[in-house]
Amino acid sequence: MREAESALHFIAWFYVADGFTMPALLAMRDGGRLLPALRREPAIGIKAGVLALVAFVPALFAFRLAPVGAVAALRETSVLIGLVLGGAMLKEALDMRRAIGALLILAGGAMVALWTAS
């Protein structure tokens, strides 16, 4: 990413390459079930593609601008958003295992933030 002439060129080629390889891999794995599913529910695939772009492009720009280790570690804190949304929208319980996991993620994010700030 950092070696690319332009971040937008990198992202465009990344998605073009991914756009050919992922359907091919899915077709090999799922055989004849892929095309009927895509025909039956095209909106799901389009929404997933747009959401993937919206979620991944900011991370790619961050990788270009900041230390990769810090960006990668802080990007994983998005699991906490899933934890909160799971509790709020799906009424999932916050058991001890999830609470400890969340605290470990927060501690790791704090360590990365403090380490890279100095």
Protein backbone atom coordinates (compact mmCIF):
# COMPACT_ATOMS: atom_id res chain seq x y z
CA MET A 1 0.00 0.00 0.00
CA ARG A 2 2.72 2.47 0.92
CA GLU A 3 4.71 1.64 -2.20
CA ALA A 4 1.77 2.28 -4.51
CA GLU A 5 1.85 5.42 -6.58
CA SER A 6 -1.67 6.31 -5.45
CA ALA A 7 -3.85 4.92 -2.69
CA LEU A 8 -6.87 5.04 -4.99
CA HIS A 9 -5.06 3.02 -7.67
CA PHE A 10 -4.10 0.42 -5.10
CA ILE A 11 -7.66 0.17 -3.77
CA ALA A 12 -9.14 -0.04 -7.26
CA TRP A 13 -6.77 -2.84 -8.34
CA PHE A 14 -7.27 -4.60 -5.01
CA TYR A 15 -11.03 -4.74 -5.55
CA VAL A 16 -10.71 -5.69 -9.23
CA ALA A 17 -8.46 -8.62 -8.30
CA ASP A 18 -10.74 -9.57 -5.44
CA GLY A 19 -13.78 -9.30 -7.69
CA PHE A 20 -12.41 -12.06 -9.92
CA THR A 21 -10.80 -14.34 -7.35
CA MET A 22 -13.53 -14.50 -4.69
CA PRO A 23 -16.36 -15.57 -7.03
CA ALA A 24 -14.04 -18.17 -8.57
CA LEU A 25 -13.13 -19.54 -5.13
CA LEU A 26 -16.77 -19.60 -4.08
CA ALA A 27 -17.76 -21.37 -7.28
CA MET A 28 -15.10 -24.03 -6.63
CA ARG A 29 -16.25 -24.47 -3.05
CA ASP A 30 -20.01 -24.34 -3.55
CA GLY A 31 -20.27 -25.78 -7.04
CA GLY A 32 -23.60 -25.21 -8.70
CA ARG A 33 -25.24 -23.51 -5.71
CA LEU A 34 -23.53 -20.13 -6.18
CA LEU A 35 -25.23 -18.79 -9.31
CA PRO A 36 -28.79 -19.66 -8.23
CA ALA A 37 -28.16 -17.96 -4.89
CA LEU A 38 -26.77 -14.85 -6.60
CA ARG A 39 -29.76 -14.72 -8.94
CA ARG A 40 -32.21 -15.21 -6.07
CA GLU A 41 -30.73 -12.53 -3.76
CA PRO A 42 -28.65 -10.04 -5.79
CA ALA A 43 -29.30 -7.18 -3.36
CA ILE A 44 -27.53 -9.01 -0.54
CA GLY A 45 -24.36 -9.32 -2.60
CA ILE A 46 -24.48 -5.69 -3.67
CA LYS A 47 -25.00 -4.49 -0.10
CA ALA A 48 -22.18 -6.70 1.17
CA GLY A 49 -19.84 -5.35 -1.50
CA VAL A 50 -20.66 -1.74 -0.71
CA LEU A 51 -20.31 -2.32 3.03
CA ALA A 52 -16.97 -4.07 2.52
CA LEU A 53 -15.74 -1.08 0.56
CA VAL A 54 -16.99 1.38 3.17
CA ALA A 55 -15.36 -0.62 5.97
CA PHE A 56 -12.04 -1.46 4.33
CA VAL A 57 -11.06 1.71 2.43
CA PRO A 58 -10.57 3.83 5.57
CA ALA A 59 -8.34 1.10 7.01
CA LEU A 60 -6.25 1.05 3.82
CA PHE A 61 -5.77 4.81 4.01
CA ALA A 62 -4.80 4.49 7.66
CA PHE A 63 -2.24 1.81 6.75
CA ARG A 64 -0.73 4.27 4.31
CA LEU A 65 -0.49 7.09 6.85
CA ALA A 66 0.34 5.43 10.17
CA PRO A 67 2.48 2.56 11.45
CA VAL A 68 0.98 -0.70 10.23
CA GLY A 69 1.21 -2.42 13.61
CA ALA A 70 -0.71 0.33 15.36
CA VAL A 71 -3.42 0.48 12.70
CA ALA A 72 -3.83 -3.30 12.61
CA ALA A 73 -4.10 -3.54 16.39
CA LEU A 74 -6.53 -0.65 16.75
CA ARG A 75 -8.61 -1.93 13.85
CA GLU A 76 -9.30 -5.07 15.86
CA THR A 77 -11.03 -2.98 18.50
CA SER A 78 -14.03 -2.99 16.14
CA VAL A 79 -14.94 -6.25 17.88
CA LEU A 80 -16.05 -4.04 20.77
CA ILE A 81 -18.56 -2.33 18.51
CA GLY A 82 -19.94 -5.76 17.65
CA LEU A 83 -20.14 -6.58 21.34
CA VAL A 84 -22.12 -3.43 22.08
CA LEU A 85 -24.40 -3.87 19.05
CA GLY A 86 -24.96 -7.52 19.93
CA GLY A 87 -26.06 -6.53 23.41
CA ALA A 88 -28.18 -3.58 22.35
CA MET A 89 -29.84 -4.93 19.21
CA LEU A 90 -29.76 -8.71 19.62
CA LYS A 91 -30.06 -8.79 23.41
CA GLU A 92 -26.97 -10.97 23.74
CA ALA A 93 -25.79 -11.44 27.30
CA LEU A 94 -22.47 -9.99 28.43
CA ASP A 95 -21.05 -13.03 30.19
CA MET A 96 -17.70 -13.20 31.98
CA ARG A 97 -15.86 -14.54 28.91
CA ARG A 98 -17.02 -11.63 26.73
CA ALA A 99 -16.33 -9.07 29.45
CA ILE A 100 -12.77 -10.35 29.94
CA GLY A 101 -12.24 -10.37 26.18
CA ALA A 102 -13.49 -6.78 25.92
CA LEU A 103 -11.19 -5.68 28.73
CA LEU A 104 -8.21 -7.36 27.05
CA ILE A 105 -9.02 -5.62 23.77
CA LEU A 106 -9.32 -2.28 25.55
CA ALA A 107 -6.02 -2.85 27.34
CA GLY A 108 -4.31 -3.77 24.09
CA GLY A 109 -5.71 -0.70 22.35
CA ALA A 110 -4.54 1.51 25.20
CA MET A 111 -1.07 -0.03 25.07
CA VAL A 112 -0.83 0.56 21.33
CA ALA A 113 -2.04 4.14 21.71
CA LEU A 114 0.44 4.87 24.49
CA TRP A 115 3.31 3.07 22.75
CA THR A 116 2.87 4.84 19.43
CA ALA A 117 2.33 8.24 21.08
CA SER A 118 5.83 8.24 22.55
